Amino acid sequence: MDLISKHNVVHRFERRQLLIAINCVAGLAIFFFGYDQGMMGSVNVSIDYGVNRMGFGEIDPDANVAQVKVNNALLQGGIIIPLLFLFVIVFFFPESPRWLVKVGREAEARYILGRLRGEDEYGLAEAEFQDIRNVAELEKKSGKVNSYFFMFWDVMPKWMGGGTSGSLHIGRRVQLVIWLQILQEWIGIAGVTIYANDIFNQAGYSVFKSRWIAGINDISYMFSTLIAVFTLDRLGRRVTLYWGCVVMGISMFLAGGFSRLSQNNQDDPHLKAAYGAAGAAFTFVFTAGFGATWLTVPWLYPAEIFPLQVRAKGNAWGVVGWSIGNGWTVLLLPTMFKNISEKTFYVFGACNAISIPIVWAFYPESNQRTLEEMDLLFADNSWFTWDAERTFARLKEENPDLVQAAQRHQSVVSGNMDALEKGRQPSRGMSLPGQKGSPDGSDTNEKA
């Protein structure tokens, strides 16, 4: 394949070896994200490191407690060095076959799929290529779906100009990724990372010791991101979010309780230290739980649920949600800590508890499902996961040759875009192959 650089790993590895190499780079990217969020976020605000050793700041004279005021951001950016390494090595890895098909580089896409499948599974690779190509063609016909405005407005009723994506339900997916990112911030991570020093100080530790503990906490946060590399695909996205909420919710309630007990025992140094240590321990548990679960899924989910044609813009909407959630919490947290003190932890714990039924009801599982299957999963008019899964199972049963259908140049969603838009009422599914007017000519009007 002369179109792909001879230094690309796709020429050297195939099948399992190629997949492992790609996943290693993805894991490295996740690790650096945790490194930036965790260790650098704490180390760079250390007075000894930031002022005395590196010299990129000074002690802020206006702060209530001693903290670093950065005046040389260039020296602070230690994360740039490992990111440069990541930036270089990605040039030696293949592009996404779906993206290559989208931009018209089909020969490269077919070659990469063949290397991933291996020579003995060329038929499967070709079927997958045809499926990707036909779904890309179908999504291009959606027209207005490609606009940021119409992606967001698509959730509105048709009489208000919504519903432009038909049965792809792009607007619903936009809302899901935005609110998942908002939930990510309100389960407590913004408060724990930004106000770590105040949290440990409220638990009874001195200013110096609070900074020291906050730094150790962020370093453990960095390493906890590696857990997701080994558990995310095995457990799935929903279960990962579930167990993360359980661990973090319990940790926040207990951290708040022990923090209050520590403050109530000012006259007993032994009890004060014991309760303070317990509160600090559960803060560590919370941070590790977040790094292993909610740190990754809200960023991964948008890449998995949007159609190829709007995938990048779907990820951008996720960033919008993160900005809203992060800005919202950062603005409110100073007031919360000032007025309700350790009870702020209870708010975070409650948000974790609320997040579990929200994920259960509205966020379908995306693990081990192709982008083509995600179009079927969101085909139902209902927002609820049980309706989406029931419709998905029905469509799969009606179309057992889902991938092979692409070789006959049919869409995995429908052979007729008009049929897609003639859906049933909400929670009742939609018209797809097998109904009147479908390409196979059959007539089955079974309920979902």
Protein backbone atom coordinates (compact mmCIF):
# COMPACT_ATOMS: atom_id res chain seq x y z
CA MET A 1 0.00 0.00 0.00
CA ASP A 2 2.01 2.94 -1.34
CA LEU A 3 -0.55 5.51 -0.13
CA ILE A 4 0.40 4.82 3.52
CA SER A 5 3.88 5.71 4.77
CA LYS A 6 6.29 2.78 4.83
CA HIS A 7 7.09 3.64 8.46
CA ASN A 8 3.47 3.11 9.54
CA VAL A 9 2.99 0.22 11.99
CA VAL A 10 0.12 -1.09 9.88
CA HIS A 11 2.72 -2.61 7.53
CA ARG A 12 4.60 -4.33 10.36
CA PHE A 13 1.75 -5.65 12.53
CA GLU A 14 -1.61 -7.21 11.83
CA ARG A 15 -4.60 -8.60 13.72
CA ARG A 16 -3.99 -8.87 17.47
CA GLN A 17 -0.54 -7.26 17.36
CA LEU A 18 -1.84 -4.23 15.49
CA LEU A 19 -4.82 -3.91 17.82
CA ILE A 20 -2.57 -4.06 20.90
CA ALA A 21 -0.27 -1.38 19.46
CA ILE A 22 -3.20 0.95 18.78
CA ASN A 23 -4.65 0.36 22.24
CA CYS A 24 -1.27 1.09 23.83
CA VAL A 25 -1.24 4.53 22.23
CA ALA A 26 -4.83 5.12 23.35
CA GLY A 27 -3.90 4.03 26.87
CA LEU A 28 -0.90 6.36 26.81
CA ALA A 29 -3.17 9.26 25.87
CA ILE A 30 -5.48 8.45 28.80
CA PHE A 31 -2.46 8.21 31.10
CA PHE A 32 -1.16 11.63 30.06
CA PHE A 33 -4.61 13.10 30.58
CA GLY A 34 -4.56 11.82 34.14
CA TYR A 35 -0.99 13.05 34.52
CA ASP A 36 -2.00 16.56 33.48
CA GLN A 37 -5.12 16.58 35.67
CA GLY A 38 -3.48 14.94 38.63
CA MET A 39 0.20 15.32 39.33
CA MET A 40 0.88 18.55 37.44
CA GLY A 41 -2.26 20.14 38.87
CA SER A 42 -0.88 19.69 42.39
CA VAL A 43 2.89 19.79 41.96
CA ASN A 44 2.75 23.11 40.12
CA VAL A 45 1.00 24.81 43.05
CA SER A 46 3.61 23.65 45.55
CA ILE A 47 5.51 26.62 46.97
CA ASP A 48 8.76 24.69 47.27
CA TYR A 49 8.51 23.42 43.68
CA GLY A 50 6.88 26.40 41.94
CA VAL A 51 8.64 29.27 43.71
CA ASN A 52 11.90 27.99 45.21
CA ARG A 53 12.91 25.33 42.67
CA MET A 54 11.33 26.15 39.29
CA GLY A 55 10.84 29.89 39.76
CA PHE A 56 7.71 30.19 37.64
CA GLY A 57 5.73 32.00 40.33
CA GLU A 58 5.66 33.82 43.61
CA ILE A 59 3.73 33.59 46.87
CA ASP A 60 0.39 35.32 46.39
CA PRO A 61 0.23 38.15 48.95
CA ASP A 62 -3.55 38.51 48.61
CA ALA A 63 -4.43 34.89 49.40
CA ASN A 64 -5.75 33.82 52.80
CA VAL A 65 -3.31 30.89 52.84
CA ALA A 66 0.10 30.71 51.21
CA GLN A 67 -0.23 29.68 47.57
CA VAL A 68 1.63 30.07 44.28
CA LYS A 69 0.82 32.93 41.91
CA VAL A 70 2.09 31.90 38.47
CA ASN A 71 3.90 34.60 36.51
CA ASN A 72 5.82 32.42 34.04
CA ALA A 73 3.43 29.99 32.40
CA LEU A 74 6.09 28.66 30.00
CA LEU A 75 8.12 27.11 32.81
CA GLN A 76 4.98 25.66 34.33
CA GLY A 77 4.10 23.58 31.27
CA GLY A 78 6.00 20.41 32.12
CA ILE A 79 3.26 18.31 30.56
CA ILE A 80 4.34 19.51 27.11
CA ILE A 81 7.37 17.19 27.04
CA PRO A 82 5.50 13.84 27.27
CA LEU A 83 2.79 15.23 24.99
CA LEU A 84 5.41 15.95 22.33
CA PHE A 85 6.40 12.29 22.51
CA LEU A 86 2.76 11.27 22.01
CA PHE A 87 2.44 13.81 19.17
CA VAL A 88 5.37 12.20 17.32
CA ILE A 89 4.41 8.53 17.69
CA VAL A 90 0.82 8.99 16.45
CA PHE A 91 2.24 9.74 12.99
CA PHE A 92 3.41 6.13 12.84
CA PHE A 93 -0.11 4.76 13.37
CA PRO A 94 -2.93 4.33 10.83
CA GLU A 95 -5.91 6.64 10.45
CA SER A 96 -9.41 5.49 11.35
CA PRO A 97 -10.94 3.49 8.47
CA ARG A 98 -14.24 5.30 9.00
CA TRP A 99 -12.57 8.69 8.67
CA LEU A 100 -10.70 7.53 5.56
CA VAL A 101 -13.98 6.47 3.96
CA LYS A 102 -15.54 9.79 4.92
CA VAL A 103 -12.82 11.75 3.09
CA GLY A 104 -12.81 9.44 0.07
CA ARG A 105 -9.61 7.45 0.77
CA GLU A 106 -11.30 4.09 0.44
CA ALA A 107 -8.27 2.08 -0.69
CA GLU A 108 -6.41 2.94 2.51
CA ALA A 109 -9.47 2.11 4.61
CA ARG A 110 -9.86 -1.29 2.96
CA TYR A 111 -6.17 -2.06 3.47
CA ILE A 112 -6.21 -1.15 7.18
CA LEU A 113 -9.35 -3.22 7.81
CA GLY A 114 -7.68 -6.12 6.04
CA ARG A 115 -4.62 -5.85 8.27
CA LEU A 116 -6.81 -5.72 11.38
CA ARG A 117 -8.74 -8.82 10.30
CA GLY A 118 -5.89 -10.76 8.75
CA GLU A 119 -5.62 -12.51 5.39
CA ASP A 120 -7.75 -15.49 6.47
CA GLU A 121 -10.68 -13.18 7.32
CA TYR A 122 -10.61 -11.01 4.22
CA GLY A 123 -14.32 -11.60 3.63
CA LEU A 124 -15.22 -10.11 7.01
CA ALA A 125 -12.94 -7.14 6.41
CA GLU A 126 -14.55 -6.48 3.04
CA ALA A 127 -18.06 -6.79 4.50
CA GLU A 128 -17.15 -4.34 7.24
CA PHE A 129 -15.71 -1.94 4.68
CA GLN A 130 -18.88 -2.06 2.59
CA ASP A 131 -20.98 -1.47 5.69
CA ILE A 132 -18.94 1.56 6.69
CA ARG A 133 -19.08 2.98 3.17
CA ASN A 134 -22.84 2.62 2.82
CA VAL A 135 -23.55 4.12 6.24
CA ALA A 136 -21.27 7.05 5.34
CA GLU A 137 -23.27 7.56 2.14
CA LEU A 138 -26.54 7.41 4.09
CA GLU A 139 -25.35 9.96 6.62
CA LYS A 140 -24.25 12.35 3.88
CA LYS A 141 -27.83 12.42 2.64
CA SER A 142 -28.95 13.79 6.00
CA GLY A 143 -27.89 17.28 4.90
CA LYS A 144 -28.67 19.67 7.73
CA VAL A 145 -27.49 17.16 10.33
CA ASN A 146 -23.92 18.30 9.71
CA SER A 147 -24.56 21.77 11.15
CA TYR A 148 -23.80 22.48 14.83
CA PHE A 149 -27.05 24.39 15.13
CA PHE A 150 -29.21 21.70 13.58
CA MET A 151 -27.49 19.01 15.65
CA PHE A 152 -28.49 20.86 18.81
CA TRP A 153 -31.92 21.97 17.58
CA ASP A 154 -32.76 18.50 16.26
CA VAL A 155 -34.17 17.53 19.65
CA MET A 156 -37.02 20.02 19.24
CA PRO A 157 -40.42 19.06 17.71
CA LYS A 158 -40.74 19.19 13.94
CA TRP A 159 -43.13 22.14 14.08
CA MET A 160 -40.28 24.11 15.69
CA GLY A 161 -37.79 23.08 13.03
CA GLY A 162 -36.40 20.06 14.87
CA GLY A 163 -36.22 16.43 13.84
CA THR A 164 -34.04 17.16 10.81
CA SER A 165 -32.00 13.98 11.32
CA GLY A 166 -35.05 11.74 11.14
CA SER A 167 -34.57 8.39 12.83
CA LEU A 168 -30.88 9.03 13.51
CA HIS A 169 -32.00 11.23 16.45
CA ILE A 170 -28.83 13.31 16.49
CA GLY A 171 -30.34 15.88 18.84
CA ARG A 172 -30.95 13.24 21.48
CA ARG A 173 -27.34 12.11 21.29
CA VAL A 174 -26.16 15.73 21.65
CA GLN A 175 -28.21 16.15 24.82
CA LEU A 176 -26.88 12.90 26.26
CA VAL A 177 -23.20 13.82 25.84
CA ILE A 178 -23.72 17.36 27.17
CA TRP A 179 -25.47 16.23 30.33
CA LEU A 180 -23.07 13.35 30.92
CA GLN A 181 -20.23 15.86 31.06
CA ILE A 182 -22.21 18.13 33.40
CA LEU A 183 -22.84 15.17 35.69
CA GLN A 184 -19.13 14.39 35.58
CA GLU A 185 -18.36 17.72 37.24
CA TRP A 186 -21.21 17.64 39.77
CA ILE A 187 -20.29 14.25 41.20
CA GLY A 188 -17.49 16.07 42.99
CA ILE A 189 -14.23 15.99 41.07
CA ALA A 190 -14.08 19.74 40.51
CA GLY A 191 -14.39 20.39 44.23
CA VAL A 192 -11.89 17.70 45.24
CA THR A 193 -9.17 18.77 42.78
CA ILE A 194 -9.56 22.55 42.95
CA TYR A 195 -10.27 22.82 46.66
CA ALA A 196 -8.18 19.90 47.88
CA ASN A 197 -6.16 22.11 50.23
CA ASP A 198 -9.31 23.51 51.84
CA ILE A 199 -10.86 20.05 52.09
CA PHE A 200 -7.90 18.61 53.96
CA ASN A 201 -7.65 21.76 56.07
CA GLN A 202 -11.30 21.34 57.08
CA ALA A 203 -10.45 17.76 58.02
CA GLY A 204 -8.10 19.15 60.65
CA TYR A 205 -4.72 19.25 58.92
CA SER A 206 -2.35 22.20 58.90
CA VAL A 207 -1.89 24.29 55.76
CA PHE A 208 1.47 22.67 55.02
CA LYS A 209 0.23 19.12 55.60
CA SER A 210 -2.93 19.79 53.55
CA ARG A 211 -0.80 20.73 50.54
CA TRP A 212 1.36 17.67 50.98
CA ILE A 213 -1.64 15.33 51.19
CA ALA A 214 -3.32 17.01 48.20
CA GLY A 215 -0.21 16.35 46.11
CA ILE A 216 -0.14 12.67 47.05
CA ASN A 217 -3.86 12.42 46.29
CA ASP A 218 -3.39 13.80 42.79
CA ILE A 219 -0.51 11.43 42.11
CA SER A 220 -2.71 8.47 43.08
CA TYR A 221 -5.37 9.98 40.82
CA MET A 222 -2.92 9.81 37.93
CA PHE A 223 -2.23 6.11 38.43
CA SER A 224 -5.91 5.25 38.92
CA THR A 225 -6.57 6.13 35.28
CA LEU A 226 -4.70 2.96 34.30
CA ILE A 227 -7.48 0.87 35.86
CA ALA A 228 -9.83 1.99 33.09
CA VAL A 229 -7.49 0.58 30.46
CA PHE A 230 -8.11 -2.94 31.79
CA THR A 231 -11.75 -2.71 32.94
CA LEU A 232 -13.57 -0.37 30.56
CA ASP A 233 -14.21 -2.86 27.74
CA ARG A 234 -14.73 -5.82 30.06
CA LEU A 235 -17.38 -4.17 32.21
CA GLY A 236 -18.95 -1.85 29.65
CA ARG A 237 -19.68 1.85 29.89
CA ARG A 238 -22.82 1.67 32.01
CA VAL A 239 -21.45 -0.70 34.65
CA THR A 240 -18.28 1.40 34.86
CA LEU A 241 -20.38 4.48 35.60
CA TYR A 242 -22.49 2.53 38.11
CA TRP A 243 -19.65 1.26 40.25
CA GLY A 244 -17.90 4.60 40.03
CA CYS A 245 -20.99 6.35 41.44
CA VAL A 246 -21.30 3.80 44.25
CA VAL A 247 -17.65 4.17 45.30
CA MET A 248 -17.59 7.95 44.97
CA GLY A 249 -20.98 8.52 46.56
CA ILE A 250 -20.14 6.49 49.66
CA SER A 251 -16.74 8.18 49.84
CA MET A 252 -18.24 11.67 49.73
CA PHE A 253 -20.79 10.98 52.46
CA LEU A 254 -18.17 9.44 54.72
CA ALA A 255 -15.57 12.13 53.97
CA GLY A 256 -18.11 14.79 54.94
CA GLY A 257 -19.10 12.96 58.09
CA PHE A 258 -15.54 12.41 59.27
CA SER A 259 -14.65 16.00 58.44
CA ARG A 260 -17.47 17.21 60.72
CA LEU A 261 -16.41 14.83 63.50
CA SER A 262 -12.86 16.13 63.24
CA GLN A 263 -14.05 19.72 63.58
CA ASN A 264 -16.29 18.80 66.54
CA ASN A 265 -13.37 17.33 68.48
CA GLN A 266 -11.01 20.28 68.53
CA ASP A 267 -10.34 19.70 72.25
CA ASP A 268 -9.23 16.10 71.74
CA PRO A 269 -6.15 16.05 69.46
CA HIS A 270 -6.22 12.25 69.21
CA LEU A 271 -9.83 12.05 68.00
CA LYS A 272 -9.39 15.09 65.77
CA ALA A 273 -6.41 13.48 64.02
CA ALA A 274 -8.15 10.10 63.73
CA TYR A 275 -11.32 11.51 62.18
CA GLY A 276 -9.29 13.81 59.95
CA ALA A 277 -7.24 10.88 58.67
CA ALA A 278 -10.42 8.91 57.95
CA GLY A 279 -11.90 11.83 55.99
CA ALA A 280 -8.68 12.21 54.01
CA ALA A 281 -8.63 8.48 53.25
CA PHE A 282 -12.08 8.53 51.71
CA THR A 283 -11.11 11.56 49.64
CA PHE A 284 -8.32 9.39 48.24
CA VAL A 285 -10.84 6.63 47.52
CA PHE A 286 -13.11 9.10 45.74
CA THR A 287 -10.33 10.42 43.53
CA ALA A 288 -9.14 6.93 42.58
CA GLY A 289 -12.72 5.87 41.83
CA PHE A 290 -13.23 8.86 39.57
CA GLY A 291 -9.97 8.29 37.70
CA ALA A 292 -10.94 4.67 37.03
CA THR A 293 -14.50 5.38 35.89
CA TRP A 294 -16.04 8.80 35.27
CA LEU A 295 -12.84 10.41 34.05
CA THR A 296 -12.85 8.32 30.86
CA VAL A 297 -16.43 7.35 29.96
CA PRO A 298 -17.90 10.86 29.39
CA TRP A 299 -15.06 11.57 26.95
CA LEU A 300 -15.28 8.18 25.25
CA TYR A 301 -19.06 8.01 24.91
CA PRO A 302 -19.41 10.80 22.29
CA ALA A 303 -16.88 9.11 20.03
CA GLU A 304 -18.91 5.90 20.17
CA ILE A 305 -22.50 7.04 19.68
CA PHE A 306 -22.39 9.63 16.89
CA PRO A 307 -22.58 8.75 13.19
CA LEU A 308 -19.37 9.09 11.22
CA GLN A 309 -20.44 12.25 9.42
CA VAL A 310 -20.91 14.24 12.65
CA ARG A 311 -18.58 12.34 14.93
CA ALA A 312 -16.07 15.17 15.43
CA LYS A 313 -18.82 17.70 16.05
CA GLY A 314 -20.46 15.30 18.48
CA ASN A 315 -17.23 15.22 20.47
CA ALA A 316 -17.20 19.01 20.37
CA TRP A 317 -20.66 19.08 21.96
CA GLY A 318 -19.23 16.91 24.74
CA VAL A 319 -16.60 19.58 25.38
CA VAL A 320 -19.40 22.16 25.53
CA GLY A 321 -21.04 20.10 28.27
CA TRP A 322 -17.76 19.84 30.16
CA SER A 323 -17.27 23.62 29.95
CA ILE A 324 -20.77 24.26 31.28
CA GLY A 325 -20.41 21.76 34.11
CA ASN A 326 -16.92 22.84 35.08
CA GLY A 327 -17.70 26.56 34.94
CA TRP A 328 -20.92 26.08 36.87
CA THR A 329 -19.32 24.16 39.71
CA VAL A 330 -16.23 26.39 39.94
CA LEU A 331 -18.44 29.46 40.29
CA LEU A 332 -20.62 27.90 42.99
CA LEU A 333 -18.05 25.97 45.02
CA PRO A 334 -16.52 28.96 46.88
CA THR A 335 -20.00 29.92 48.11
CA MET A 336 -20.85 26.33 48.98
CA PHE A 337 -17.70 25.71 51.01
CA LYS A 338 -18.11 29.05 52.77
CA ASN A 339 -21.77 28.57 53.74
CA ILE A 340 -22.28 24.83 54.18
CA SER A 341 -18.67 23.73 54.76
CA GLU A 342 -18.33 19.93 54.81
CA LYS A 343 -21.99 19.53 53.78
CA THR A 344 -20.73 20.24 50.26
CA PHE A 345 -19.55 16.63 50.32
CA TYR A 346 -23.14 15.51 50.90
CA VAL A 347 -24.24 17.43 47.80
CA PHE A 348 -21.61 15.56 45.79
CA GLY A 349 -22.71 12.26 47.32
CA ALA A 350 -26.33 12.97 46.38
CA CYS A 351 -25.30 13.81 42.80
CA ASN A 352 -23.60 10.42 42.57
CA ALA A 353 -26.76 8.71 43.79
CA ILE A 354 -28.92 10.62 41.29
CA SER A 355 -26.55 9.80 38.43
CA ILE A 356 -27.16 6.04 38.71
CA PRO A 357 -30.86 6.07 37.67
CA ILE A 358 -30.13 8.75 35.05
CA VAL A 359 -27.51 6.54 33.38
CA TRP A 360 -29.74 3.47 33.75
CA ALA A 361 -32.74 5.16 32.12
CA PHE A 362 -31.22 7.27 29.35
CA TYR A 363 -27.73 6.06 28.39
CA PRO A 364 -27.67 2.87 26.26
CA GLU A 365 -24.60 0.66 26.31
CA SER A 366 -22.12 1.43 23.53
CA ASN A 367 -19.43 -1.12 24.39
CA GLN A 368 -18.63 -3.68 21.66
CA ARG A 369 -21.05 -2.05 19.22
CA THR A 370 -20.05 -0.59 15.89
CA LEU A 371 -21.00 2.91 14.77
CA GLU A 372 -23.38 1.27 12.32
CA GLU A 373 -25.14 -0.59 15.14
CA MET A 374 -25.43 2.62 17.14
CA ASP A 375 -27.71 4.01 14.43
CA LEU A 376 -30.04 1.07 15.08
CA LEU A 377 -29.76 1.55 18.84
CA PHE A 378 -30.96 5.16 18.56
CA ALA A 379 -33.60 4.39 15.93
CA ASP A 380 -36.47 4.23 18.43
CA ASN A 381 -38.40 7.43 19.13
CA SER A 382 -38.24 6.85 22.87
CA TRP A 383 -35.47 8.27 25.08
CA PHE A 384 -35.52 5.28 27.45
CA THR A 385 -32.84 2.60 27.20
CA TRP A 386 -35.25 -0.31 27.52
CA ASP A 387 -37.19 0.85 24.46
CA ALA A 388 -33.97 1.46 22.55
CA GLU A 389 -32.63 -1.99 23.41
CA ARG A 390 -35.92 -3.69 22.53
CA THR A 391 -36.04 -1.97 19.12
CA PHE A 392 -32.37 -2.75 18.56
CA ALA A 393 -32.93 -6.45 19.29
CA ARG A 394 -35.91 -6.53 16.94
CA LEU A 395 -34.01 -4.88 14.12
CA LYS A 396 -31.09 -7.24 14.58
CA GLU A 397 -33.47 -10.19 14.48
CA GLU A 398 -35.17 -8.89 11.34
CA ASN A 399 -31.75 -8.28 9.74
CA PRO A 400 -29.47 -11.14 10.85
CA ASP A 401 -27.12 -10.43 7.97
CA LEU A 402 -26.56 -6.88 9.18
CA VAL A 403 -23.01 -6.58 7.96
CA GLN A 404 -23.44 -8.74 4.89
CA ALA A 405 -26.36 -6.55 3.83
CA ALA A 406 -23.87 -3.84 3.06
CA GLN A 407 -22.38 -5.99 0.32
CA ARG A 408 -25.74 -5.73 -1.44
CA HIS A 409 -25.33 -1.94 -1.15
CA GLN A 410 -28.11 -1.56 1.42
CA SER A 411 -27.96 0.57 4.52
CA VAL A 412 -27.79 -1.15 7.87
CA VAL A 413 -30.45 1.29 9.05
CA SER A 414 -32.79 1.19 6.08
CA GLY A 415 -32.74 0.90 2.35
CA ASN A 416 -35.04 3.89 2.12
CA MET A 417 -34.53 7.16 4.04
CA ASP A 418 -38.24 7.92 3.68
CA ALA A 419 -39.05 4.74 5.55
CA LEU A 420 -36.77 5.83 8.38
CA GLU A 421 -38.73 9.00 8.94
CA LYS A 422 -42.12 7.23 9.12
CA GLY A 423 -41.59 6.02 12.68
CA ARG A 424 -44.23 4.90 15.11
CA GLN A 425 -45.22 6.89 18.13
CA PRO A 426 -42.62 7.31 20.91
CA SER A 427 -41.55 4.05 22.55
CA ARG A 428 -43.13 2.02 19.76
CA GLY A 429 -40.16 1.67 17.42
CA MET A 430 -39.99 2.71 13.77
CA SER A 431 -40.39 1.52 10.21
CA LEU A 432 -37.44 -0.39 8.87
CA PRO A 433 -36.77 -3.20 6.39
CA GLY A 434 -39.55 -5.73 6.68
CA GLN A 435 -42.43 -3.24 6.51
CA LYS A 436 -44.47 -2.08 3.53
CA GLY A 437 -42.39 -0.37 0.94
CA SER A 438 -39.10 -1.78 2.18
CA PRO A 439 -36.53 -3.01 -0.33
CA ASP A 440 -37.26 -6.67 0.41
CA GLY A 441 -40.92 -6.17 -0.51
CA SER A 442 -42.21 -7.91 2.61
CA ASP A 443 -44.96 -6.65 4.87
CA THR A 444 -44.55 -7.21 8.59
CA ASN A 445 -45.95 -4.68 11.02
CA GLU A 446 -44.91 -6.30 14.25
CA LYS A 447 -44.80 -4.17 17.34
CA ALA A 448 -41.51 -3.59 19.09
